[in-house]
Amino acid sequence: MTATKLPDGFAELEPFVANWAIDNERDRYLKLHRSTIEDLKTFYDAVFARIDEIIDRLNQTPLASFSDEEKRLMNLAMTFAETAHPIDLKWKDVDFNDAYTWEKFQFQGVSTAPIKETA
């Protein structure tokens, strides 16, 4: 098994894993702002075409029981959700110029609360 393997049926998304399957909010935010709109669009198009299937697949397993492959797929979906707005809003760049200084944005620590499954 490689660090880019995804669950069966999602192999065409594996080329995106190394750069886009990001496991934390801060790094997803930085990836958005350090990407070109063209690179973001390529990622967006690939994941958007499969997002319903991705969600269906991830809903089959409790989060606490995810395999490494499922975690990578979830991280792709999370990065997609947190970086889609420039494409959805038809921006010409990944940011509003002069709206705020994105490099100064600060993140708080990650919650360590246990995951609670719902019925």
N, C-alpha and C. Protein backbone atom coordinates (compact mmCIF):
# COMPACT_ATOMS: atom_id res chain seq x y z
N MET A 1 0.84 -1.19 0.00
CA MET A 1 0.00 0.00 0.00
C MET A 1 0.88 1.24 0.00
N THR A 2 0.49 2.22 -0.78
CA THR A 2 1.26 3.46 -0.83
C THR A 2 0.53 4.56 -0.08
N ALA A 3 1.22 5.67 0.16
CA ALA A 3 0.64 6.80 0.88
C ALA A 3 -0.30 7.61 -0.01
N THR A 4 -0.52 7.17 -1.24
CA THR A 4 -1.46 7.87 -2.11
C THR A 4 -2.68 7.01 -2.45
N LYS A 5 -2.73 5.80 -1.93
CA LYS A 5 -3.83 4.87 -2.24
C LYS A 5 -5.13 5.37 -1.64
N LEU A 6 -6.19 5.27 -2.45
CA LEU A 6 -7.54 5.62 -2.02
C LEU A 6 -8.40 4.36 -2.06
N PRO A 7 -9.60 4.40 -1.48
CA PRO A 7 -10.47 3.21 -1.55
C PRO A 7 -10.75 2.81 -3.00
N ASP A 8 -11.07 1.54 -3.18
CA ASP A 8 -11.40 1.03 -4.51
C ASP A 8 -12.45 1.93 -5.18
N GLY A 9 -12.24 2.18 -6.46
CA GLY A 9 -13.16 2.99 -7.23
C GLY A 9 -12.76 4.45 -7.35
N PHE A 10 -11.70 4.86 -6.66
CA PHE A 10 -11.28 6.26 -6.67
C PHE A 10 -9.84 6.44 -7.14
N ALA A 11 -9.32 5.47 -7.86
CA ALA A 11 -7.91 5.51 -8.29
C ALA A 11 -7.57 6.73 -9.13
N GLU A 12 -8.53 7.24 -9.93
CA GLU A 12 -8.21 8.39 -10.78
C GLU A 12 -7.94 9.65 -9.96
N LEU A 13 -8.31 9.66 -8.68
CA LEU A 13 -8.03 10.81 -7.81
C LEU A 13 -6.70 10.68 -7.07
N GLU A 14 -6.06 9.52 -7.16
CA GLU A 14 -4.81 9.30 -6.43
C GLU A 14 -3.69 10.28 -6.81
N PRO A 15 -3.61 10.77 -8.06
CA PRO A 15 -2.57 11.76 -8.36
C PRO A 15 -2.71 13.06 -7.56
N PHE A 16 -3.88 13.32 -6.98
CA PHE A 16 -4.10 14.54 -6.21
C PHE A 16 -3.75 14.37 -4.73
N VAL A 17 -3.59 13.15 -4.28
CA VAL A 17 -3.42 12.88 -2.85
C VAL A 17 -2.20 13.60 -2.27
N ALA A 18 -1.07 13.49 -2.90
CA ALA A 18 0.16 14.05 -2.33
C ALA A 18 0.06 15.55 -2.06
N ASN A 19 -0.63 16.27 -2.92
CA ASN A 19 -0.71 17.73 -2.77
C ASN A 19 -2.01 18.24 -2.18
N TRP A 20 -3.07 17.46 -2.22
CA TRP A 20 -4.38 17.98 -1.85
C TRP A 20 -5.07 17.24 -0.71
N ALA A 21 -4.63 16.06 -0.31
CA ALA A 21 -5.25 15.33 0.80
C ALA A 21 -4.63 15.84 2.11
N ILE A 22 -5.07 16.99 2.52
CA ILE A 22 -4.45 17.72 3.64
C ILE A 22 -5.29 17.51 4.89
N ASP A 23 -4.62 17.13 5.99
CA ASP A 23 -5.36 16.69 7.17
C ASP A 23 -5.63 17.76 8.23
N ASN A 24 -5.38 19.05 7.91
CA ASN A 24 -5.71 20.06 8.90
C ASN A 24 -6.09 21.37 8.23
N GLU A 25 -6.91 22.13 8.93
CA GLU A 25 -7.47 23.37 8.39
C GLU A 25 -6.40 24.38 8.01
N ARG A 26 -5.40 24.55 8.85
CA ARG A 26 -4.36 25.54 8.58
C ARG A 26 -3.65 25.25 7.26
N ASP A 27 -3.25 24.00 7.06
CA ASP A 27 -2.52 23.66 5.84
C ASP A 27 -3.41 23.70 4.61
N ARG A 28 -4.70 23.40 4.77
CA ARG A 28 -5.63 23.55 3.64
C ARG A 28 -5.76 25.02 3.25
N TYR A 29 -5.84 25.89 4.24
CA TYR A 29 -5.91 27.33 4.01
C TYR A 29 -4.66 27.82 3.27
N LEU A 30 -3.51 27.38 3.74
CA LEU A 30 -2.25 27.78 3.09
C LEU A 30 -2.18 27.23 1.67
N LYS A 31 -2.64 26.00 1.46
CA LYS A 31 -2.63 25.42 0.11
C LYS A 31 -3.49 26.26 -0.83
N LEU A 32 -4.66 26.68 -0.37
CA LEU A 32 -5.51 27.53 -1.18
C LEU A 32 -4.78 28.80 -1.61
N HIS A 33 -4.19 29.48 -0.67
CA HIS A 33 -3.57 30.77 -0.96
C HIS A 33 -2.23 30.67 -1.68
N ARG A 34 -1.64 29.50 -1.68
CA ARG A 34 -0.36 29.31 -2.37
C ARG A 34 -0.53 28.63 -3.73
N SER A 35 -1.76 28.34 -4.10
CA SER A 35 -2.04 27.68 -5.38
C SER A 35 -2.41 28.71 -6.43
N THR A 36 -2.20 28.34 -7.68
CA THR A 36 -2.71 29.17 -8.77
C THR A 36 -4.17 28.82 -8.98
N ILE A 37 -4.91 29.72 -9.57
CA ILE A 37 -6.31 29.45 -9.86
C ILE A 37 -6.43 28.28 -10.84
N GLU A 38 -5.46 28.11 -11.72
CA GLU A 38 -5.47 27.00 -12.69
C GLU A 38 -5.29 25.66 -11.97
N ASP A 39 -4.35 25.59 -11.04
CA ASP A 39 -4.15 24.34 -10.29
C ASP A 39 -5.37 24.02 -9.44
N LEU A 40 -5.93 25.04 -8.82
CA LEU A 40 -7.13 24.85 -8.01
C LEU A 40 -8.28 24.34 -8.88
N LYS A 41 -8.44 24.88 -10.06
CA LYS A 41 -9.52 24.48 -10.96
C LYS A 41 -9.36 23.02 -11.39
N THR A 42 -8.14 22.60 -11.65
CA THR A 42 -7.89 21.21 -12.03
C THR A 42 -8.31 20.27 -10.90
N PHE A 43 -7.91 20.59 -9.68
CA PHE A 43 -8.30 19.80 -8.51
C PHE A 43 -9.81 19.83 -8.32
N TYR A 44 -10.38 21.01 -8.37
CA TYR A 44 -11.82 21.20 -8.20
C TYR A 44 -12.61 20.34 -9.18
N ASP A 45 -12.26 20.42 -10.45
CA ASP A 45 -12.99 19.68 -11.47
C ASP A 45 -12.95 18.17 -11.23
N ALA A 46 -11.79 17.67 -10.83
CA ALA A 46 -11.65 16.23 -10.60
C ALA A 46 -12.50 15.77 -9.42
N VAL A 47 -12.46 16.50 -8.32
CA VAL A 47 -13.19 16.08 -7.13
C VAL A 47 -14.68 16.39 -7.27
N PHE A 48 -15.03 17.52 -7.85
CA PHE A 48 -16.44 17.88 -8.01
C PHE A 48 -17.19 16.79 -8.78
N ALA A 49 -16.55 16.23 -9.77
CA ALA A 49 -17.19 15.18 -10.58
C ALA A 49 -17.54 13.94 -9.76
N ARG A 50 -16.88 13.76 -8.62
CA ARG A 50 -17.06 12.55 -7.81
C ARG A 50 -17.53 12.82 -6.38
N ILE A 51 -17.82 14.08 -6.03
CA ILE A 51 -18.07 14.41 -4.63
C ILE A 51 -19.25 13.65 -4.04
N ASP A 52 -20.32 13.45 -4.79
CA ASP A 52 -21.45 12.69 -4.25
C ASP A 52 -21.04 11.25 -3.94
N GLU A 53 -20.27 10.64 -4.83
CA GLU A 53 -19.78 9.27 -4.60
C GLU A 53 -18.82 9.22 -3.41
N ILE A 54 -17.99 10.25 -3.27
CA ILE A 54 -17.05 10.31 -2.15
C ILE A 54 -17.83 10.35 -0.84
N ILE A 55 -18.83 11.21 -0.77
CA ILE A 55 -19.63 11.32 0.46
C ILE A 55 -20.36 10.02 0.74
N ASP A 56 -20.95 9.43 -0.29
CA ASP A 56 -21.63 8.14 -0.10
C ASP A 56 -20.68 7.09 0.44
N ARG A 57 -19.48 7.02 -0.13
CA ARG A 57 -18.48 6.03 0.31
C ARG A 57 -18.07 6.26 1.76
N LEU A 58 -17.81 7.51 2.12
CA LEU A 58 -17.38 7.81 3.48
C LEU A 58 -18.49 7.58 4.50
N ASN A 59 -19.72 7.75 4.09
CA ASN A 59 -20.86 7.53 5.00
C ASN A 59 -21.08 6.05 5.32
N GLN A 60 -20.38 5.16 4.65
CA GLN A 60 -20.54 3.72 4.89
C GLN A 60 -19.78 3.24 6.12
N THR A 61 -18.85 4.05 6.63
CA THR A 61 -17.98 3.64 7.73
C THR A 61 -17.98 4.71 8.81
N PRO A 62 -18.08 4.33 10.09
CA PRO A 62 -17.96 5.33 11.15
C PRO A 62 -16.58 6.02 11.08
N LEU A 63 -16.58 7.30 11.31
CA LEU A 63 -15.35 8.09 11.21
C LEU A 63 -14.20 7.50 12.03
N ALA A 64 -14.49 7.07 13.23
CA ALA A 64 -13.45 6.51 14.10
C ALA A 64 -12.86 5.22 13.56
N SER A 65 -13.52 4.59 12.58
CA SER A 65 -13.06 3.32 12.02
C SER A 65 -12.45 3.48 10.62
N PHE A 66 -12.25 4.70 10.16
CA PHE A 66 -11.71 4.91 8.81
C PHE A 66 -10.35 4.24 8.65
N SER A 67 -10.17 3.61 7.49
CA SER A 67 -8.85 3.10 7.11
C SER A 67 -7.99 4.28 6.66
N ASP A 68 -6.71 4.06 6.43
CA ASP A 68 -5.85 5.12 5.91
C ASP A 68 -6.36 5.63 4.56
N GLU A 69 -6.84 4.71 3.72
CA GLU A 69 -7.36 5.09 2.41
C GLU A 69 -8.59 6.00 2.55
N GLU A 70 -9.48 5.64 3.48
CA GLU A 70 -10.68 6.46 3.71
C GLU A 70 -10.31 7.82 4.29
N LYS A 71 -9.31 7.87 5.16
CA LYS A 71 -8.86 9.16 5.70
C LYS A 71 -8.33 10.05 4.58
N ARG A 72 -7.59 9.48 3.65
CA ARG A 72 -7.08 10.27 2.52
C ARG A 72 -8.23 10.80 1.66
N LEU A 73 -9.22 9.95 1.42
CA LEU A 73 -10.38 10.37 0.64
C LEU A 73 -11.14 11.49 1.37
N MET A 74 -11.29 11.35 2.69
CA MET A 74 -11.94 12.40 3.47
C MET A 74 -11.13 13.70 3.40
N ASN A 75 -9.81 13.59 3.48
CA ASN A 75 -8.98 14.79 3.42
C ASN A 75 -9.08 15.47 2.06
N LEU A 76 -9.19 14.69 0.98
CA LEU A 76 -9.44 15.30 -0.34
C LEU A 76 -10.77 16.06 -0.33
N ALA A 77 -11.80 15.44 0.24
CA ALA A 77 -13.11 16.09 0.29
C ALA A 77 -13.07 17.34 1.16
N MET A 78 -12.36 17.29 2.26
CA MET A 78 -12.24 18.46 3.14
C MET A 78 -11.51 19.60 2.43
N THR A 79 -10.41 19.27 1.74
CA THR A 79 -9.69 20.30 1.01
C THR A 79 -10.58 20.88 -0.08
N PHE A 80 -11.31 20.03 -0.77
CA PHE A 80 -12.25 20.50 -1.79
C PHE A 80 -13.24 21.49 -1.18
N ALA A 81 -13.86 21.12 -0.07
CA ALA A 81 -14.87 21.98 0.55
C ALA A 81 -14.29 23.32 0.99
N GLU A 82 -13.05 23.30 1.47
CA GLU A 82 -12.45 24.52 2.00
C GLU A 82 -11.73 25.36 0.95
N THR A 83 -11.65 24.86 -0.26
CA THR A 83 -10.96 25.63 -1.32
C THR A 83 -11.83 25.88 -2.54
N ALA A 84 -13.07 25.46 -2.52
CA ALA A 84 -13.93 25.54 -3.71
C ALA A 84 -14.44 26.95 -4.01
N HIS A 85 -14.51 27.81 -3.03
CA HIS A 85 -15.18 29.09 -3.24
C HIS A 85 -14.60 29.96 -4.35
N PRO A 86 -13.29 30.01 -4.57
CA PRO A 86 -12.82 30.84 -5.70
C PRO A 86 -13.35 30.34 -7.06
N ILE A 87 -13.50 29.02 -7.20
CA ILE A 87 -14.03 28.48 -8.45
C ILE A 87 -15.54 28.69 -8.51
N ASP A 88 -16.23 28.37 -7.41
CA ASP A 88 -17.68 28.54 -7.37
C ASP A 88 -18.10 29.99 -7.64
N LEU A 89 -17.30 30.92 -7.14
CA LEU A 89 -17.63 32.35 -7.28
C LEU A 89 -16.98 32.98 -8.51
N LYS A 90 -16.32 32.14 -9.31
CA LYS A 90 -15.70 32.57 -10.57
C LYS A 90 -14.67 33.69 -10.38
N TRP A 91 -13.86 33.53 -9.32
CA TRP A 91 -12.78 34.49 -9.10
C TRP A 91 -11.72 34.29 -10.17
N LYS A 92 -10.95 35.30 -10.42
CA LYS A 92 -9.83 35.22 -11.35
C LYS A 92 -8.52 34.89 -10.63
N ASP A 93 -8.57 34.90 -9.30
CA ASP A 93 -7.42 34.62 -8.46
C ASP A 93 -7.94 33.88 -7.23
N VAL A 94 -7.04 33.37 -6.40
CA VAL A 94 -7.46 32.63 -5.21
C VAL A 94 -7.80 33.55 -4.04
N ASP A 95 -7.71 34.84 -4.22
CA ASP A 95 -7.94 35.76 -3.13
C ASP A 95 -8.47 37.09 -3.64
N PHE A 96 -9.10 37.82 -2.75
CA PHE A 96 -9.44 39.22 -3.04
C PHE A 96 -8.19 40.04 -2.78
N ASN A 97 -7.69 40.69 -3.77
CA ASN A 97 -6.51 41.53 -3.56
C ASN A 97 -6.85 42.66 -2.60
N ASP A 98 -6.00 42.87 -1.63
CA ASP A 98 -6.12 43.95 -0.65
C ASP A 98 -7.31 43.84 0.29
N ALA A 99 -8.03 42.73 0.30
CA ALA A 99 -9.16 42.59 1.22
C ALA A 99 -8.67 42.32 2.64
N TYR A 100 -7.68 41.48 2.76
CA TYR A 100 -7.05 41.20 4.04
C TYR A 100 -5.71 40.54 3.75
N THR A 101 -4.85 40.54 4.72
CA THR A 101 -3.54 39.93 4.55
C THR A 101 -3.63 38.48 5.00
N TRP A 102 -3.79 37.58 4.04
CA TRP A 102 -4.03 36.18 4.38
C TRP A 102 -2.85 35.56 5.13
N GLU A 103 -1.65 36.06 4.92
CA GLU A 103 -0.48 35.50 5.60
C GLU A 103 -0.52 35.73 7.11
N LYS A 104 -1.31 36.70 7.55
CA LYS A 104 -1.38 37.02 8.99
C LYS A 104 -2.52 36.29 9.70
N PHE A 105 -3.30 35.54 8.96
CA PHE A 105 -4.42 34.81 9.54
C PHE A 105 -3.87 33.79 10.53
N GLN A 106 -4.48 33.69 11.71
CA GLN A 106 -3.99 32.78 12.74
C GLN A 106 -5.01 31.69 13.02
N PHE A 107 -4.52 30.51 13.31
CA PHE A 107 -5.37 29.37 13.62
C PHE A 107 -5.16 28.96 15.06
N GLN A 108 -6.23 28.50 15.67
CA GLN A 108 -6.16 27.97 17.03
C GLN A 108 -5.79 26.51 16.97
N GLY A 109 -5.51 25.90 18.08
CA GLY A 109 -5.16 24.49 18.12
C GLY A 109 -6.30 23.59 17.69
N VAL A 110 -5.96 22.38 17.36
CA VAL A 110 -6.93 21.39 16.94
C VAL A 110 -7.64 20.84 18.18
N SER A 111 -8.94 20.66 18.08
CA SER A 111 -9.70 20.09 19.17
C SER A 111 -9.25 18.66 19.43
N THR A 112 -9.14 18.31 20.69
CA THR A 112 -8.78 16.94 21.05
C THR A 112 -9.97 16.19 21.64
N ALA A 113 -11.17 16.78 21.49
CA ALA A 113 -12.37 16.13 22.00
C ALA A 113 -12.58 14.83 21.24
N PRO A 114 -13.00 13.78 21.96
CA PRO A 114 -13.23 12.49 21.29
C PRO A 114 -14.39 12.60 20.29
N ILE A 115 -14.32 11.80 19.25
CA ILE A 115 -15.38 11.75 18.25
C ILE A 115 -16.56 10.99 18.83
N LYS A 116 -17.74 11.58 18.75
CA LYS A 116 -18.94 10.91 19.24
C LYS A 116 -19.79 10.54 18.04
N GLU A 117 -20.10 9.29 17.95
CA GLU A 117 -20.95 8.79 16.87
C GLU A 117 -22.40 9.10 17.20
N THR A 118 -23.18 9.43 16.20
CA THR A 118 -24.61 9.65 16.39
C THR A 118 -25.38 8.48 15.81
N ALA A 119 -26.54 8.28 16.33
CA ALA A 119 -27.36 7.14 15.88
C ALA A 119 -27.96 7.40 14.52
